[in-house]
Amino acid sequence: MYCQLMGEWVMENSYLTSDSWILHTAHALTLQVYFIQLTDPKSVLVGNYKMTALYRNHGVTPYTPLKGVLIRPSIFMSFFFAINNMVEKVPSLKGGGIFWFTDLTTPDPLYILPVLTSLTFLATVELGNPYIASKMKMLHRGMGVMIVPFTMNFAKV
């Protein structure tokens, strides 16, 4: 009952954002609750037809959210390897820094940049989406803390 009420609330308040995935999620949630209540095969078949029609109307599949999961790592790796390659091949990076990091090809000896990166990530997690699940928020907090040991040996670029 709670899921059905939540799905109805999201459908009624879908004007809050222009993203069609909110509306899709609301419809899918309502249909999933409907599926749970079904017992006879004919009703299950009708429910499956409705879900397929919903996906077709919004131009998505159950695997659409995986696009971001597959695209982001490839972009991150491209940037990482490009910058790592620049450290080795661009001589002007040895004297192009300011303040305490004059040589951009070496790691930060004071760990200021890794800590600053971690704090920025944690601020994004804390000040970002207030509706994120608590377990996901805890995972992101852990990732924010682990940024420091993972990035402390990276070049300052």
C-alpha atoms as a PDB file:
ATOM      1  CA  MET A   1       0.000   0.000   0.000  1.00  0.00           C
ATOM      2  CA  TYR A   2       2.836   2.379   0.848  1.00  0.00           C
ATOM      3  CA  CYS A   3       4.503   1.794  -2.531  1.00  0.00           C
ATOM      4  CA  GLN A   4       1.237   2.415  -4.337  1.00  0.00           C
ATOM      5  CA  LEU A   5       0.678   5.694  -2.470  1.00  0.00           C
ATOM      6  CA  MET A   6       4.274   6.735  -3.165  1.00  0.00           C
ATOM      7  CA  GLY A   7       3.864   5.930  -6.866  1.00  0.00           C
ATOM      8  CA  GLU A   8       0.661   7.969  -7.025  1.00  0.00           C
ATOM      9  CA  TRP A   9       2.347  10.916  -5.262  1.00  0.00           C
ATOM     10  CA  VAL A  10       5.241  10.876  -7.730  1.00  0.00           C
ATOM     11  CA  MET A  11       2.815  10.740 -10.662  1.00  0.00           C
ATOM     12  CA  GLU A  12       0.833  13.676  -9.294  1.00  0.00           C
ATOM     13  CA  ASN A  13       3.996  15.713  -8.620  1.00  0.00           C
ATOM     14  CA  SER A  14       5.865  14.803 -11.794  1.00  0.00           C
ATOM     15  CA  TYR A  15       5.622  18.422 -12.914  1.00  0.00           C
ATOM     16  CA  LEU A  16       8.440  19.207 -10.465  1.00  0.00           C
ATOM     17  CA  THR A  17      10.988  18.024 -13.015  1.00  0.00           C
ATOM     18  CA  SER A  18      11.017  17.737 -16.779  1.00  0.00           C
ATOM     19  CA  ASP A  19      12.823  14.389 -16.746  1.00  0.00           C
ATOM     20  CA  SER A  20      10.591  11.694 -18.178  1.00  0.00           C
ATOM     21  CA  TRP A  21      12.302   9.052 -16.059  1.00  0.00           C
ATOM     22  CA  ILE A  22      10.495  10.349 -12.960  1.00  0.00           C
ATOM     23  CA  LEU A  23       7.158   9.760 -14.624  1.00  0.00           C
ATOM     24  CA  HIS A  24       8.359   6.416 -15.950  1.00  0.00           C
ATOM     25  CA  THR A  25       9.529   5.390 -12.474  1.00  0.00           C
ATOM     26  CA  ALA A  26       6.177   6.355 -10.990  1.00  0.00           C
ATOM     27  CA  HIS A  27       4.247   4.324 -13.549  1.00  0.00           C
ATOM     28  CA  ALA A  28       6.613   1.367 -13.205  1.00  0.00           C
ATOM     29  CA  LEU A  29       6.345   1.473  -9.407  1.00  0.00           C
ATOM     30  CA  THR A  30       2.560   1.510  -9.559  1.00  0.00           C
ATOM     31  CA  LEU A  31       2.552  -1.378 -12.041  1.00  0.00           C
ATOM     32  CA  GLN A  32       4.992  -3.376  -9.898  1.00  0.00           C
ATOM     33  CA  VAL A  33       2.716  -3.005  -6.894  1.00  0.00           C
ATOM     34  CA  TYR A  34      -0.146  -4.089  -9.146  1.00  0.00           C
ATOM     35  CA  PHE A  35       1.876  -7.155 -10.217  1.00  0.00           C
ATOM     36  CA  ILE A  36       2.477  -8.180  -6.617  1.00  0.00           C
ATOM     37  CA  GLN A  37      -1.269  -8.277  -6.027  1.00  0.00           C
ATOM     38  CA  LEU A  38      -1.923 -10.478  -9.081  1.00  0.00           C
ATOM     39  CA  THR A  39      -2.388 -14.208  -8.780  1.00  0.00           C
ATOM     40  CA  ASP A  40      -4.116 -15.491 -11.923  1.00  0.00           C
ATOM     41  CA  PRO A  41      -2.124 -15.941 -15.191  1.00  0.00           C
ATOM     42  CA  LYS A  42      -4.450 -13.791 -17.313  1.00  0.00           C
ATOM     43  CA  SER A  43      -3.989 -10.768 -15.042  1.00  0.00           C
ATOM     44  CA  VAL A  44      -0.223 -11.282 -15.063  1.00  0.00           C
ATOM     45  CA  LEU A  45      -0.277 -11.323 -18.870  1.00  0.00           C
ATOM     46  CA  VAL A  46      -2.320  -8.085 -18.947  1.00  0.00           C
ATOM     47  CA  GLY A  47       0.118  -6.509 -16.482  1.00  0.00           C
ATOM     48  CA  ASN A  48       3.103  -7.529 -18.596  1.00  0.00           C
ATOM     49  CA  TYR A  49       1.431  -6.012 -21.632  1.00  0.00           C
ATOM     50  CA  LYS A  50       0.898  -2.731 -19.739  1.00  0.00           C
ATOM     51  CA  MET A  51       4.545  -2.661 -18.640  1.00  0.00           C
ATOM     52  CA  THR A  52       5.740  -3.289 -22.208  1.00  0.00           C
ATOM     53  CA  ALA A  53       3.460  -0.510 -23.472  1.00  0.00           C
ATOM     54  CA  LEU A  54       4.828   1.832 -20.810  1.00  0.00           C
ATOM     55  CA  TYR A  55       8.396   1.131 -21.896  1.00  0.00           C
ATOM     56  CA  ARG A  56       7.469   1.614 -25.549  1.00  0.00           C
ATOM     57  CA  ASN A  57       5.629   4.914 -24.885  1.00  0.00           C
ATOM     58  CA  HIS A  58       8.620   6.413 -23.068  1.00  0.00           C
ATOM     59  CA  GLY A  59      11.230   4.939 -25.386  1.00  0.00           C
ATOM     60  CA  VAL A  60      13.136   3.081 -22.682  1.00  0.00           C
ATOM     61  CA  THR A  61      14.001  -0.464 -21.744  1.00  0.00           C
ATOM     62  CA  PRO A  62      14.699  -2.020 -18.356  1.00  0.00           C
ATOM     63  CA  TYR A  63      18.400  -1.674 -19.245  1.00  0.00           C
ATOM     64  CA  THR A  64      18.330   2.060 -20.062  1.00  0.00           C
ATOM     65  CA  PRO A  65      19.814   3.109 -16.682  1.00  0.00           C
ATOM     66  CA  LEU A  66      22.871   0.961 -17.430  1.00  0.00           C
ATOM     67  CA  LYS A  67      23.965   3.366 -20.169  1.00  0.00           C
ATOM     68  CA  GLY A  68      25.380   5.757 -17.601  1.00  0.00           C
ATOM     69  CA  VAL A  69      27.102   2.960 -15.736  1.00  0.00           C
ATOM     70  CA  LEU A  70      28.848   1.882 -18.929  1.00  0.00           C
ATOM     71  CA  ILE A  71      29.678   5.329 -20.310  1.00  0.00           C
ATOM     72  CA  ARG A  72      31.086   7.067 -17.206  1.00  0.00           C
ATOM     73  CA  PRO A  73      34.025   4.710 -16.576  1.00  0.00           C
ATOM     74  CA  SER A  74      35.192   4.950 -20.176  1.00  0.00           C
ATOM     75  CA  ILE A  75      35.159   8.757 -20.034  1.00  0.00           C
ATOM     76  CA  PHE A  76      36.987   8.742 -16.684  1.00  0.00           C
ATOM     77  CA  MET A  77      39.626   6.340 -17.989  1.00  0.00           C
ATOM     78  CA  SER A  78      40.132   8.467 -21.128  1.00  0.00           C
ATOM     79  CA  PHE A  79      40.747  11.573 -19.034  1.00  0.00           C
ATOM     80  CA  PHE A  80      42.978   9.722 -16.569  1.00  0.00           C
ATOM     81  CA  PHE A  81      45.216   8.195 -19.252  1.00  0.00           C
ATOM     82  CA  ALA A  82      45.370  11.465 -21.217  1.00  0.00           C
ATOM     83  CA  ILE A  83      46.491  13.435 -18.151  1.00  0.00           C
ATOM     84  CA  ASN A  84      48.903  10.694 -17.127  1.00  0.00           C
ATOM     85  CA  ASN A  85      50.378  10.798 -20.643  1.00  0.00           C
ATOM     86  CA  MET A  86      50.682  14.592 -20.428  1.00  0.00           C
ATOM     87  CA  VAL A  87      52.713  14.290 -17.226  1.00  0.00           C
ATOM     88  CA  GLU A  88      55.334  12.309 -19.114  1.00  0.00           C
ATOM     89  CA  LYS A  89      55.341  14.218 -22.417  1.00  0.00           C
ATOM     90  CA  VAL A  90      54.624  17.897 -21.675  1.00  0.00           C
ATOM     91  CA  PRO A  91      57.806  19.509 -20.276  1.00  0.00           C
ATOM     92  CA  SER A  92      56.106  22.789 -19.343  1.00  0.00           C
ATOM     93  CA  LEU A  93      54.260  21.009 -16.500  1.00  0.00           C
ATOM     94  CA  LYS A  94      57.523  20.797 -14.524  1.00  0.00           C
ATOM     95  CA  GLY A  95      57.480  24.539 -13.828  1.00  0.00           C
ATOM     96  CA  GLY A  96      53.888  25.623 -14.398  1.00  0.00           C
ATOM     97  CA  GLY A  97      52.424  25.437 -10.892  1.00  0.00           C
ATOM     98  CA  ILE A  98      51.813  27.995  -8.167  1.00  0.00           C
ATOM     99  CA  PHE A  99      52.096  28.174  -4.371  1.00  0.00           C
ATOM    100  CA  TRP A 100      53.403  24.907  -2.912  1.00  0.00           C
ATOM    101  CA  PHE A 101      53.012  22.875  -6.117  1.00  0.00           C
ATOM    102  CA  THR A 102      55.464  24.311  -8.632  1.00  0.00           C
ATOM    103  CA  ASP A 103      56.268  20.959 -10.287  1.00  0.00           C
ATOM    104  CA  LEU A 104      52.953  19.572 -11.526  1.00  0.00           C
ATOM    105  CA  THR A 105      54.407  16.181 -12.455  1.00  0.00           C
ATOM    106  CA  THR A 106      55.041  15.053  -8.855  1.00  0.00           C
ATOM    107  CA  PRO A 107      52.574  14.076  -6.110  1.00  0.00           C
ATOM    108  CA  ASP A 108      51.523  16.698  -3.566  1.00  0.00           C
ATOM    109  CA  PRO A 109      53.903  16.329  -0.572  1.00  0.00           C
ATOM    110  CA  LEU A 110      51.512  18.116   1.813  1.00  0.00           C
ATOM    111  CA  TYR A 111      48.436  16.102   0.671  1.00  0.00           C
ATOM    112  CA  ILE A 112      46.434  19.312   0.357  1.00  0.00           C
ATOM    113  CA  LEU A 113      45.070  18.540  -3.127  1.00  0.00           C
ATOM    114  CA  PRO A 114      43.890  14.968  -2.310  1.00  0.00           C
ATOM    115  CA  VAL A 115      42.209  16.199   0.893  1.00  0.00           C
ATOM    116  CA  LEU A 116      40.620  19.093  -1.001  1.00  0.00           C
ATOM    117  CA  THR A 117      39.328  16.641  -3.630  1.00  0.00           C
ATOM    118  CA  SER A 118      37.884  14.428  -0.901  1.00  0.00           C
ATOM    119  CA  LEU A 119      36.213  17.344   0.897  1.00  0.00           C
ATOM    120  CA  THR A 120      34.695  18.596  -2.347  1.00  0.00           C
ATOM    121  CA  PHE A 121      33.277  15.141  -3.071  1.00  0.00           C
ATOM    122  CA  LEU A 122      31.891  14.841   0.469  1.00  0.00           C
ATOM    123  CA  ALA A 123      30.299  18.293   0.215  1.00  0.00           C
ATOM    124  CA  THR A 124      28.640  17.220  -3.030  1.00  0.00           C
ATOM    125  CA  VAL A 125      27.303  14.085  -1.347  1.00  0.00           C
ATOM    126  CA  GLU A 126      25.999  15.932   1.720  1.00  0.00           C
ATOM    127  CA  LEU A 127      24.546  18.955  -0.081  1.00  0.00           C
ATOM    128  CA  GLY A 128      23.302  17.045  -3.133  1.00  0.00           C
ATOM    129  CA  ASN A 129      20.135  15.017  -3.511  1.00  0.00           C
ATOM    130  CA  PRO A 130      18.335  14.913  -0.142  1.00  0.00           C
ATOM    131  CA  TYR A 131      16.245  11.908  -1.191  1.00  0.00           C
ATOM    132  CA  ILE A 132      19.135   9.499  -1.725  1.00  0.00           C
ATOM    133  CA  ALA A 133      18.918   6.261   0.264  1.00  0.00           C
ATOM    134  CA  SER A 134      20.902   6.182   3.495  1.00  0.00           C
ATOM    135  CA  LYS A 135      22.931   3.107   2.469  1.00  0.00           C
ATOM    136  CA  MET A 136      23.901   4.784  -0.799  1.00  0.00           C
ATOM    137  CA  LYS A 137      24.858   7.939   1.063  1.00  0.00           C
ATOM    138  CA  MET A 138      27.037   5.893   3.442  1.00  0.00           C
ATOM    139  CA  LEU A 139      28.709   4.239   0.433  1.00  0.00           C
ATOM    140  CA  HIS A 140      29.451   7.648  -1.077  1.00  0.00           C
ATOM    141  CA  ARG A 141      30.826   8.897   2.243  1.00  0.00           C
ATOM    142  CA  GLY A 142      33.148   5.902   2.371  1.00  0.00           C
ATOM    143  CA  MET A 143      34.248   6.610  -1.197  1.00  0.00           C
ATOM    144  CA  GLY A 144      34.900  10.229  -0.239  1.00  0.00           C
ATOM    145  CA  VAL A 145      37.196   9.160   2.575  1.00  0.00           C
ATOM    146  CA  MET A 146      38.974   6.615   0.355  1.00  0.00           C
ATOM    147  CA  ILE A 147      39.739   9.286  -2.262  1.00  0.00           C
ATOM    148  CA  VAL A 148      42.687  10.517  -0.185  1.00  0.00           C
ATOM    149  CA  PRO A 149      44.717   7.273  -0.127  1.00  0.00           C
ATOM    150  CA  PHE A 150      43.888   6.528  -3.761  1.00  0.00           C
ATOM    151  CA  THR A 151      44.902   9.973  -5.076  1.00  0.00           C
ATOM    152  CA  MET A 152      47.806  10.878  -2.813  1.00  0.00           C
ATOM    153  CA  ASN A 153      50.356   9.459  -5.272  1.00  0.00           C
ATOM    154  CA  PHE A 154      48.822  11.020  -8.379  1.00  0.00           C
ATOM    155  CA  ALA A 155      50.604  13.855 -10.123  1.00  0.00           C
ATOM    156  CA  LYS A 156      49.328  17.301  -9.174  1.00  0.00           C
ATOM    157  CA  VAL A 157      47.973  17.922 -12.670  1.00  0.00           C
END
